[in-house]
PDB file of all heavy atoms in Angstrom:
ATOM      1  N   ALA A   1       1.862  -4.867  -8.952  1.00  0.00           N
ATOM      2  CA  ALA A   1       1.257  -4.525  -7.676  1.00  0.00           C
ATOM      3  C   ALA A   1       2.167  -4.924  -6.522  1.00  0.00           C
ATOM      4  O   ALA A   1       3.011  -5.814  -6.644  1.00  0.00           O
ATOM      5  CB  ALA A   1      -0.096  -5.213  -7.537  1.00  0.00           C
ATOM      6  N   ASN A   2       1.982  -4.273  -5.406  1.00  0.00           N
ATOM      7  CA  ASN A   2       2.718  -4.565  -4.187  1.00  0.00           C
ATOM      8  C   ASN A   2       1.735  -4.842  -3.070  1.00  0.00           C
ATOM      9  O   ASN A   2       0.666  -4.240  -3.005  1.00  0.00           O
ATOM     10  CB  ASN A   2       3.624  -3.397  -3.798  1.00  0.00           C
ATOM     11  CG  ASN A   2       4.609  -3.031  -4.883  1.00  0.00           C
ATOM     12  OD1 ASN A   2       5.477  -3.815  -5.244  1.00  0.00           O
ATOM     13  ND2 ASN A   2       4.459  -1.831  -5.435  1.00  0.00           N
ATOM     14  N   TYR A   3       2.126  -5.732  -2.172  1.00  0.00           N
ATOM     15  CA  TYR A   3       1.253  -6.131  -1.082  1.00  0.00           C
ATOM     16  C   TYR A   3       2.016  -6.189   0.224  1.00  0.00           C
ATOM     17  O   TYR A   3       3.210  -6.500   0.248  1.00  0.00           O
ATOM     18  CB  TYR A   3       0.637  -7.503  -1.350  1.00  0.00           C
ATOM     19  CG  TYR A   3      -0.193  -7.575  -2.602  1.00  0.00           C
ATOM     20  CD1 TYR A   3       0.370  -7.964  -3.812  1.00  0.00           C
ATOM     21  CD2 TYR A   3      -1.548  -7.249  -2.577  1.00  0.00           C
ATOM     22  CE1 TYR A   3      -0.388  -8.024  -4.968  1.00  0.00           C
ATOM     23  CE2 TYR A   3      -2.311  -7.309  -3.729  1.00  0.00           C
ATOM     24  CZ  TYR A   3      -1.731  -7.694  -4.921  1.00  0.00           C
ATOM     25  OH  TYR A   3      -2.493  -7.752  -6.065  1.00  0.00           O
ATOM     26  N   ALA A   4       1.317  -5.884   1.295  1.00  0.00           N
ATOM     27  CA  ALA A   4       1.884  -6.134   2.609  1.00  0.00           C
ATOM     28  C   ALA A   4       2.128  -7.627   2.763  1.00  0.00           C
ATOM     29  O   ALA A   4       1.373  -8.451   2.242  1.00  0.00           O
ATOM     30  CB  ALA A   4       0.942  -5.632   3.693  1.00  0.00           C
ATOM     31  N   ASP A   5       3.184  -7.965   3.481  1.00  0.00           N
ATOM     32  CA  ASP A   5       3.527  -9.376   3.634  1.00  0.00           C
ATOM     33  C   ASP A   5       2.374 -10.188   4.218  1.00  0.00           C
ATOM     34  O   ASP A   5       2.179 -11.354   3.856  1.00  0.00           O
ATOM     35  CB  ASP A   5       4.760  -9.525   4.524  1.00  0.00           C
ATOM     36  CG  ASP A   5       6.032  -9.071   3.835  1.00  0.00           C
ATOM     37  OD1 ASP A   5       6.056  -8.995   2.598  1.00  0.00           O
ATOM     38  OD2 ASP A   5       7.022  -8.792   4.549  1.00  0.00           O
ATOM     39  N   SER A   6       1.626  -9.570   5.088  1.00  0.00           N
ATOM     40  CA  SER A   6       0.564 -10.286   5.775  1.00  0.00           C
ATOM     41  C   SER A   6      -0.596 -10.683   4.868  1.00  0.00           C
ATOM     42  O   SER A   6      -1.384 -11.561   5.226  1.00  0.00           O
ATOM     43  CB  SER A   6       0.031  -9.450   6.941  1.00  0.00           C
ATOM     44  OG  SER A   6      -0.537  -8.233   6.479  1.00  0.00           O
ATOM     45  N   VAL A   7      -0.707 -10.047   3.695  1.00  0.00           N
ATOM     46  CA  VAL A   7      -1.841 -10.328   2.820  1.00  0.00           C
ATOM     47  C   VAL A   7      -1.431 -10.961   1.504  1.00  0.00           C
ATOM     48  O   VAL A   7      -2.308 -11.285   0.686  1.00  0.00           O
ATOM     49  CB  VAL A   7      -2.667  -9.054   2.535  1.00  0.00           C
ATOM     50  CG1 VAL A   7      -3.064  -8.374   3.838  1.00  0.00           C
ATOM     51  CG2 VAL A   7      -1.899  -8.094   1.631  1.00  0.00           C
ATOM     52  N   LYS A   8      -0.151 -11.152   1.287  1.00  0.00           N
ATOM     53  CA  LYS A   8       0.314 -11.738   0.041  1.00  0.00           C
ATOM     54  C   LYS A   8      -0.295 -13.121  -0.169  1.00  0.00           C
ATOM     55  O   LYS A   8      -0.334 -13.942   0.735  1.00  0.00           O
ATOM     56  CB  LYS A   8       1.839 -11.828   0.020  1.00  0.00           C
ATOM     57  CG  LYS A   8       2.533 -10.501  -0.168  1.00  0.00           C
ATOM     58  CD  LYS A   8       4.051 -10.667  -0.215  1.00  0.00           C
ATOM     59  CE  LYS A   8       4.739  -9.339  -0.442  1.00  0.00           C
ATOM     60  NZ  LYS A   8       6.212  -9.469  -0.438  1.00  0.00           N
ATOM     61  N   GLY A   9      -0.759 -13.332  -1.371  1.00  0.00           N
ATOM     62  CA  GLY A   9      -1.379 -14.603  -1.700  1.00  0.00           C
ATOM     63  C   GLY A   9      -2.853 -14.666  -1.406  1.00  0.00           C
ATOM     64  O   GLY A   9      -3.529 -15.600  -1.851  1.00  0.00           O
ATOM     65  N   ARG A  10      -3.362 -13.694  -0.664  1.00  0.00           N
ATOM     66  CA  ARG A  10      -4.780 -13.687  -0.303  1.00  0.00           C
ATOM     67  C   ARG A  10      -5.537 -12.487  -0.865  1.00  0.00           C
ATOM     68  O   ARG A  10      -6.728 -12.588  -1.142  1.00  0.00           O
ATOM     69  CB  ARG A  10      -4.947 -13.715   1.217  1.00  0.00           C
ATOM     70  CG  ARG A  10      -4.390 -14.969   1.876  1.00  0.00           C
ATOM     71  CD  ARG A  10      -4.720 -15.009   3.368  1.00  0.00           C
ATOM     72  NE  ARG A  10      -4.092 -13.900   4.089  1.00  0.00           N
ATOM     73  CZ  ARG A  10      -4.765 -12.911   4.673  1.00  0.00           C
ATOM     74  NH1 ARG A  10      -6.093 -12.881   4.632  1.00  0.00           N
ATOM     75  NH2 ARG A  10      -4.113 -11.945   5.311  1.00  0.00           N
ATOM     76  N   PHE A  11      -4.863 -11.353  -1.003  1.00  0.00           N
ATOM     77  CA  PHE A  11      -5.496 -10.132  -1.497  1.00  0.00           C
ATOM     78  C   PHE A  11      -5.004  -9.829  -2.908  1.00  0.00           C
ATOM     79  O   PHE A  11      -3.853 -10.113  -3.250  1.00  0.00           O
ATOM     80  CB  PHE A  11      -5.164  -8.936  -0.607  1.00  0.00           C
ATOM     81  CG  PHE A  11      -5.831  -8.931   0.744  1.00  0.00           C
ATOM     82  CD1 PHE A  11      -6.424 -10.065   1.267  1.00  0.00           C
ATOM     83  CD2 PHE A  11      -5.857  -7.761   1.487  1.00  0.00           C
ATOM     84  CE1 PHE A  11      -7.030 -10.056   2.510  1.00  0.00           C
ATOM     85  CE2 PHE A  11      -6.458  -7.730   2.729  1.00  0.00           C
ATOM     86  CZ  PHE A  11      -7.045  -8.870   3.246  1.00  0.00           C
ATOM     87  N   THR A  12      -5.874  -9.220  -3.694  1.00  0.00           N
ATOM     88  CA  THR A  12      -5.520  -8.815  -5.048  1.00  0.00           C
ATOM     89  C   THR A  12      -6.057  -7.420  -5.322  1.00  0.00           C
ATOM     90  O   THR A  12      -7.246  -7.172  -5.143  1.00  0.00           O
ATOM     91  CB  THR A  12      -6.078  -9.791  -6.092  1.00  0.00           C
ATOM     92  OG1 THR A  12      -5.609 -11.118  -5.833  1.00  0.00           O
ATOM     93  CG2 THR A  12      -5.627  -9.377  -7.490  1.00  0.00           C
ATOM     94  N   ILE A  13      -5.181  -6.529  -5.760  1.00  0.00           N
ATOM     95  CA  ILE A  13      -5.585  -5.187  -6.132  1.00  0.00           C
ATOM     96  C   ILE A  13      -5.706  -5.113  -7.646  1.00  0.00           C
ATOM     97  O   ILE A  13      -4.895  -5.687  -8.371  1.00  0.00           O
ATOM     98  CB  ILE A  13      -4.596  -4.131  -5.597  1.00  0.00           C
ATOM     99  CG1 ILE A  13      -5.117  -2.716  -5.852  1.00  0.00           C
ATOM    100  CG2 ILE A  13      -3.213  -4.309  -6.206  1.00  0.00           C
ATOM    101  CD1 ILE A  13      -4.275  -1.629  -5.172  1.00  0.00           C
ATOM    102  N   SER A  14      -6.706  -4.419  -8.117  1.00  0.00           N
ATOM    103  CA  SER A  14      -6.907  -4.276  -9.547  1.00  0.00           C
ATOM    104  C   SER A  14      -7.655  -2.981  -9.818  1.00  0.00           C
ATOM    105  O   SER A  14      -8.123  -2.313  -8.893  1.00  0.00           O
ATOM    106  CB  SER A  14      -7.670  -5.479 -10.126  1.00  0.00           C
ATOM    107  OG  SER A  14      -8.959  -5.581  -9.550  1.00  0.00           O
ATOM    108  N   GLN A  15      -7.770  -2.637 -11.082  1.00  0.00           N
ATOM    109  CA  GLN A  15      -8.502  -1.435 -11.444  1.00  0.00           C
ATOM    110  C   GLN A  15      -9.125  -1.590 -12.815  1.00  0.00           C
ATOM    111  O   GLN A  15      -8.641  -2.345 -13.661  1.00  0.00           O
ATOM    112  CB  GLN A  15      -7.588  -0.198 -11.414  1.00  0.00           C
ATOM    113  CG  GLN A  15      -6.431  -0.239 -12.404  1.00  0.00           C
ATOM    114  CD  GLN A  15      -5.440   0.880 -12.181  1.00  0.00           C
ATOM    115  OE1 GLN A  15      -4.901   1.016 -11.084  1.00  0.00           O
ATOM    116  NE2 GLN A  15      -5.210   1.682 -13.206  1.00  0.00           N
ATOM    117  N   ASP A  16     -10.193  -0.865 -13.014  1.00  0.00           N
ATOM    118  CA  ASP A  16     -10.884  -0.822 -14.287  1.00  0.00           C
ATOM    119  C   ASP A  16     -10.957   0.641 -14.682  1.00  0.00           C
ATOM    120  O   ASP A  16     -11.762   1.403 -14.138  1.00  0.00           O
ATOM    121  CB  ASP A  16     -12.278  -1.436 -14.167  1.00  0.00           C
ATOM    122  CG  ASP A  16     -12.994  -1.556 -15.501  1.00  0.00           C
ATOM    123  OD1 ASP A  16     -12.786  -0.699 -16.385  1.00  0.00           O
ATOM    124  OD2 ASP A  16     -13.773  -2.505 -15.673  1.00  0.00           O
ATOM    125  N   ASN A  17     -10.119   1.030 -15.612  1.00  0.00           N
ATOM    126  CA  ASN A  17     -10.037   2.439 -15.987  1.00  0.00           C
ATOM    127  C   ASN A  17     -11.340   2.952 -16.599  1.00  0.00           C
ATOM    128  O   ASN A  17     -11.736   4.093 -16.360  1.00  0.00           O
ATOM    129  CB  ASN A  17      -8.873   2.659 -16.955  1.00  0.00           C
ATOM    130  CG  ASN A  17      -7.525   2.445 -16.304  1.00  0.00           C
ATOM    131  OD1 ASN A  17      -7.360   2.633 -15.100  1.00  0.00           O
ATOM    132  ND2 ASN A  17      -6.537   2.063 -17.110  1.00  0.00           N
ATOM    133  N   ALA A  18     -11.984   2.122 -17.386  1.00  0.00           N
ATOM    134  CA  ALA A  18     -13.224   2.535 -18.023  1.00  0.00           C
ATOM    135  C   ALA A  18     -14.305   2.831 -16.991  1.00  0.00           C
ATOM    136  O   ALA A  18     -15.101   3.755 -17.160  1.00  0.00           O
ATOM    137  CB  ALA A  18     -13.696   1.469 -19.000  1.00  0.00           C
ATOM    138  N   LYS A  19     -14.346   2.039 -15.937  1.00  0.00           N
ATOM    139  CA  LYS A  19     -15.327   2.236 -14.874  1.00  0.00           C
ATOM    140  C   LYS A  19     -14.840   3.184 -13.787  1.00  0.00           C
ATOM    141  O   LYS A  19     -15.588   3.472 -12.857  1.00  0.00           O
ATOM    142  CB  LYS A  19     -15.701   0.895 -14.257  1.00  0.00           C
ATOM    143  CG  LYS A  19     -16.396  -0.055 -15.209  1.00  0.00           C
ATOM    144  CD  LYS A  19     -16.772  -1.347 -14.503  1.00  0.00           C
ATOM    145  CE  LYS A  19     -17.502  -2.282 -15.436  1.00  0.00           C
ATOM    146  NZ  LYS A  19     -17.871  -3.555 -14.764  1.00  0.00           N
ATOM    147  N   LYS A  20     -13.607   3.637 -13.898  1.00  0.00           N
ATOM    148  CA  LYS A  20     -12.997   4.531 -12.911  1.00  0.00           C
ATOM    149  C   LYS A  20     -13.090   3.938 -11.516  1.00  0.00           C
ATOM    150  O   LYS A  20     -13.413   4.612 -10.527  1.00  0.00           O
ATOM    151  CB  LYS A  20     -13.649   5.921 -12.962  1.00  0.00           C
ATOM    152  CG  LYS A  20     -13.516   6.612 -14.302  1.00  0.00           C
ATOM    153  CD  LYS A  20     -14.050   8.031 -14.282  1.00  0.00           C
ATOM    154  CE  LYS A  20     -15.552   8.041 -14.116  1.00  0.00           C
ATOM    155  NZ  LYS A  20     -16.106   9.428 -14.192  1.00  0.00           N
ATOM    156  N   THR A  21     -12.790   2.668 -11.438  1.00  0.00           N
ATOM    157  CA  THR A  21     -12.955   1.926 -10.196  1.00  0.00           C
ATOM    158  C   THR A  21     -11.729   1.080  -9.898  1.00  0.00           C
ATOM    159  O   THR A  21     -11.172   0.443 -10.793  1.00  0.00           O
ATOM    160  CB  THR A  21     -14.194   1.024 -10.270  1.00  0.00           C
ATOM    161  OG1 THR A  21     -15.356   1.821 -10.493  1.00  0.00           O
ATOM    162  CG2 THR A  21     -14.373   0.242  -8.983  1.00  0.00           C
ATOM    163  N   ALA A  22     -11.327   1.088  -8.646  1.00  0.00           N
ATOM    164  CA  ALA A  22     -10.286   0.202  -8.155  1.00  0.00           C
ATOM    165  C   ALA A  22     -10.920  -0.834  -7.243  1.00  0.00           C
ATOM    166  O   ALA A  22     -11.953  -0.576  -6.608  1.00  0.00           O
ATOM    167  CB  ALA A  22      -9.212   0.981  -7.406  1.00  0.00           C
ATOM    168  N   TYR A  23     -10.305  -1.988  -7.156  1.00  0.00           N
ATOM    169  CA  TYR A  23     -10.849  -3.082  -6.378  1.00  0.00           C
ATOM    170  C   TYR A  23      -9.789  -3.658  -5.449  1.00  0.00           C
ATOM    171  O   TYR A  23      -8.591  -3.591  -5.716  1.00  0.00           O
ATOM    172  CB  TYR A  23     -11.350  -4.206  -7.287  1.00  0.00           C
ATOM    173  CG  TYR A  23     -12.367  -3.779  -8.315  1.00  0.00           C
ATOM    174  CD1 TYR A  23     -11.974  -3.440  -9.605  1.00  0.00           C
ATOM    175  CD2 TYR A  23     -13.721  -3.710  -7.995  1.00  0.00           C
ATOM    176  CE1 TYR A  23     -12.902  -3.054 -10.551  1.00  0.00           C
ATOM    177  CE2 TYR A  23     -14.655  -3.318  -8.940  1.00  0.00           C
ATOM    178  CZ  TYR A  23     -14.246  -2.994 -10.208  1.00  0.00           C
ATOM    179  OH  TYR A  23     -15.173  -2.610 -11.148  1.00  0.00           O
ATOM    180  N   LEU A  24     -10.267  -4.232  -4.378  1.00  0.00           N
ATOM    181  CA  LEU A  24      -9.421  -5.024  -3.505  1.00  0.00           C
ATOM    182  C   LEU A  24     -10.175  -6.304  -3.185  1.00  0.00           C
ATOM    183  O   LEU A  24     -11.151  -6.283  -2.430  1.00  0.00           O
ATOM    184  CB  LEU A  24      -9.065  -4.282  -2.219  1.00  0.00           C
ATOM    185  CG  LEU A  24      -8.111  -5.029  -1.285  1.00  0.00           C
ATOM    186  CD1 LEU A  24      -6.729  -5.162  -1.934  1.00  0.00           C
ATOM    187  CD2 LEU A  24      -7.996  -4.330   0.059  1.00  0.00           C
ATOM    188  N   GLN A  25      -9.743  -7.387  -3.792  1.00  0.00           N
ATOM    189  CA  GLN A  25     -10.317  -8.688  -3.512  1.00  0.00           C
ATOM    190  C   GLN A  25      -9.606  -9.273  -2.301  1.00  0.00           C
ATOM    191  O   GLN A  25      -8.383  -9.413  -2.309  1.00  0.00           O
ATOM    192  CB  GLN A  25     -10.163  -9.616  -4.718  1.00  0.00           C
ATOM    193  CG  GLN A  25     -10.679 -11.031  -4.498  1.00  0.00           C
ATOM    194  CD  GLN A  25     -12.174 -11.095  -4.327  1.00  0.00           C
ATOM    195  OE1 GLN A  25     -12.910 -10.460  -5.087  1.00  0.00           O
ATOM    196  NE2 GLN A  25     -12.639 -11.837  -3.335  1.00  0.00           N
ATOM    197  N   MET A  26     -10.362  -9.613  -1.286  1.00  0.00           N
ATOM    198  CA  MET A  26      -9.803 -10.111  -0.044  1.00  0.00           C
ATOM    199  C   MET A  26     -10.345 -11.509   0.214  1.00  0.00           C
ATOM    200  O   MET A  26     -11.549 -11.693   0.379  1.00  0.00           O
ATOM    201  CB  MET A  26     -10.148  -9.189   1.124  1.00  0.00           C
ATOM    202  CG  MET A  26      -9.765  -7.730   0.889  1.00  0.00           C
ATOM    203  SD  MET A  26     -10.054  -6.685   2.347  1.00  0.00           S
ATOM    204  CE  MET A  26     -11.840  -6.824   2.476  1.00  0.00           C
ATOM    205  N   ASN A  27      -9.450 -12.470   0.245  1.00  0.00           N
ATOM    206  CA  ASN A  27      -9.819 -13.856   0.486  1.00  0.00           C
ATOM    207  C   ASN A  27      -9.228 -14.335   1.803  1.00  0.00           C
ATOM    208  O   ASN A  27      -8.239 -13.808   2.291  1.00  0.00           O
ATOM    209  CB  ASN A  27      -9.323 -14.745  -0.659  1.00  0.00           C
ATOM    210  CG  ASN A  27      -9.952 -14.404  -1.988  1.00  0.00           C
ATOM    211  OD1 ASN A  27     -11.098 -13.961  -2.056  1.00  0.00           O
ATOM    212  ND2 ASN A  27      -9.202 -14.614  -3.069  1.00  0.00           N
ATOM    213  N   SER A  28      -9.841 -15.365   2.343  1.00  0.00           N
ATOM    214  CA  SER A  28      -9.374 -15.983   3.586  1.00  0.00           C
ATOM    215  C   SER A  28      -9.147 -14.942   4.674  1.00  0.00           C
ATOM    216  O   SER A  28      -8.094 -14.890   5.319  1.00  0.00           O
ATOM    217  CB  SER A  28      -8.089 -16.784   3.328  1.00  0.00           C
ATOM    218  OG  SER A  28      -8.297 -17.786   2.351  1.00  0.00           O
ATOM    219  N   LEU A  29     -10.142 -14.123   4.885  1.00  0.00           N
ATOM    220  CA  LEU A  29     -10.019 -13.039   5.845  1.00  0.00           C
ATOM    221  C   LEU A  29      -9.833 -13.554   7.267  1.00  0.00           C
ATOM    222  O   LEU A  29     -10.438 -14.555   7.665  1.00  0.00           O
ATOM    223  CB  LEU A  29     -11.238 -12.131   5.778  1.00  0.00           C
ATOM    224  CG  LEU A  29     -11.224 -11.126   4.626  1.00  0.00           C
ATOM    225  CD1 LEU A  29     -12.622 -10.594   4.358  1.00  0.00           C
ATOM    226  CD2 LEU A  29     -10.262  -9.982   4.948  1.00  0.00           C
ATOM    227  N   LYS A  30      -9.009 -12.854   8.004  1.00  0.00           N
ATOM    228  CA  LYS A  30      -8.720 -13.187   9.382  1.00  0.00           C
ATOM    229  C   LYS A  30      -9.404 -12.204  10.317  1.00  0.00           C
ATOM    230  O   LYS A  30      -9.668 -11.056   9.953  1.00  0.00           O
ATOM    231  CB  LYS A  30      -7.208 -13.171   9.623  1.00  0.00           C
ATOM    232  CG  LYS A  30      -6.423 -14.105   8.710  1.00  0.00           C
ATOM    233  CD  LYS A  30      -4.924 -13.932   8.906  1.00  0.00           C
ATOM    234  CE  LYS A  30      -4.143 -14.848   7.988  1.00  0.00           C
ATOM    235  NZ  LYS A  30      -2.681 -14.668   8.160  1.00  0.00           N
ATOM    236  N   HIS A  31      -9.652 -12.644  11.533  1.00  0.00           N
ATOM    237  CA  HIS A  31     -10.335 -11.811  12.503  1.00  0.00           C
ATOM    238  C   HIS A  31      -9.592 -10.500  12.732  1.00  0.00           C
ATOM    239  O   HIS A  31     -10.212  -9.432  12.855  1.00  0.00           O
ATOM    240  CB  HIS A  31     -10.497 -12.559  13.824  1.00  0.00           C
ATOM    241  CG  HIS A  31     -11.143 -11.752  14.899  1.00  0.00           C
ATOM    242  ND1 HIS A  31     -12.486 -11.438  14.894  1.00  0.00           N
ATOM    243  CD2 HIS A  31     -10.623 -11.165  16.012  1.00  0.00           C
ATOM    244  CE1 HIS A  31     -12.774 -10.716  15.950  1.00  0.00           C
ATOM    245  NE2 HIS A  31     -11.654 -10.531  16.653  1.00  0.00           N
ATOM    246  N   GLU A  32      -8.276 -10.560  12.791  1.00  0.00           N
ATOM    247  CA  GLU A  32      -7.484  -9.373  13.072  1.00  0.00           C
ATOM    248  C   GLU A  32      -7.440  -8.377  11.921  1.00  0.00           C
ATOM    249  O   GLU A  32      -6.890  -7.281  12.068  1.00  0.00           O
ATOM    250  CB  GLU A  32      -6.046  -9.768  13.467  1.00  0.00           C
ATOM    251  CG  GLU A  32      -5.301 -10.557  12.401  1.00  0.00           C
ATOM    252  CD  GLU A  32      -5.411 -12.057  12.595  1.00  0.00           C
ATOM    253  OE1 GLU A  32      -6.455 -12.512  13.121  1.00  0.00           O
ATOM    254  OE2 GLU A  32      -4.455 -12.770  12.237  1.00  0.00           O
ATOM    255  N   GLU A  33      -8.023  -8.743  10.789  1.00  0.00           N
ATOM    256  CA  GLU A  33      -8.046  -7.843   9.645  1.00  0.00           C
ATOM    257  C   GLU A  33      -9.309  -6.991   9.586  1.00  0.00           C
ATOM    258  O   GLU A  33      -9.518  -6.259   8.615  1.00  0.00           O
ATOM    259  CB  GLU A  33      -7.864  -8.639   8.353  1.00  0.00           C
ATOM    260  CG  GLU A  33      -6.467  -9.239   8.239  1.00  0.00           C
ATOM    261  CD  GLU A  33      -6.266 -10.111   7.029  1.00  0.00           C
ATOM    262  OE1 GLU A  33      -7.176 -10.915   6.710  1.00  0.00           O
ATOM    263  OE2 GLU A  33      -5.200  -9.997   6.389  1.00  0.00           O
ATOM    264  N   ALA A  34     -10.131  -7.079  10.595  1.00  0.00           N
ATOM    265  CA  ALA A  34     -11.268  -6.177  10.699  1.00  0.00           C
ATOM    266  C   ALA A  34     -10.744  -4.753  10.841  1.00  0.00           C
ATOM    267  O   ALA A  34      -9.873  -4.479  11.669  1.00  0.00           O
ATOM    268  CB  ALA A  34     -12.137  -6.553  11.887  1.00  0.00           C
ATOM    269  N   ALA A  35     -11.258  -3.865  10.033  1.00  0.00           N
ATOM    270  CA  ALA A  35     -10.770  -2.494  10.019  1.00  0.00           C
ATOM    271  C   ALA A  35     -11.624  -1.677   9.062  1.00  0.00           C
ATOM    272  O   ALA A  35     -12.474  -2.210   8.349  1.00  0.00           O
ATOM    273  CB  ALA A  35      -9.302  -2.449   9.577  1.00  0.00           C
ATOM    274  N   VAL A  36     -11.380  -0.378   9.069  1.00  0.00           N
ATOM    275  CA  VAL A  36     -11.921   0.473   8.023  1.00  0.00           C
ATOM    276  C   VAL A  36     -10.898   0.504   6.897  1.00  0.00           C
ATOM    277  O   VAL A  36      -9.723   0.794   7.128  1.00  0.00           O
ATOM    278  CB  VAL A  36     -12.210   1.895   8.525  1.00  0.00           C
ATOM    279  CG1 VAL A  36     -12.709   2.772   7.380  1.00  0.00           C
ATOM    280  CG2 VAL A  36     -13.239   1.861   9.649  1.00  0.00           C
ATOM    281  N   TYR A  37     -11.340   0.207   5.714  1.00  0.00           N
ATOM    282  CA  TYR A  37     -10.465   0.162   4.559  1.00  0.00           C
ATOM    283  C   TYR A  37     -10.676   1.401   3.700  1.00  0.00           C
ATOM    284  O   TYR A  37     -11.810   1.774   3.389  1.00  0.00           O
ATOM    285  CB  TYR A  37     -10.728  -1.104   3.734  1.00  0.00           C
ATOM    286  CG  TYR A  37     -10.162  -2.357   4.362  1.00  0.00           C
ATOM    287  CD1 TYR A  37     -10.735  -2.901   5.510  1.00  0.00           C
ATOM    288  CD2 TYR A  37      -9.044  -2.987   3.817  1.00  0.00           C
ATOM    289  CE1 TYR A  37     -10.207  -4.036   6.099  1.00  0.00           C
ATOM    290  CE2 TYR A  37      -8.513  -4.127   4.401  1.00  0.00           C
ATOM    291  CZ  TYR A  37      -9.096  -4.647   5.538  1.00  0.00           C
ATOM    292  OH  TYR A  37      -8.570  -5.779   6.116  1.00  0.00           O
TER     293      TYR A  37
END
């Protein structure tokens, strides 16, 4: 996986092929990271 420098160490991307679902785990969220994802 690759991450923007600003989120390295805090965000994790993953996927579950059986569930046909991708995930983005976001930890230690900052105020400036409010957005539509």
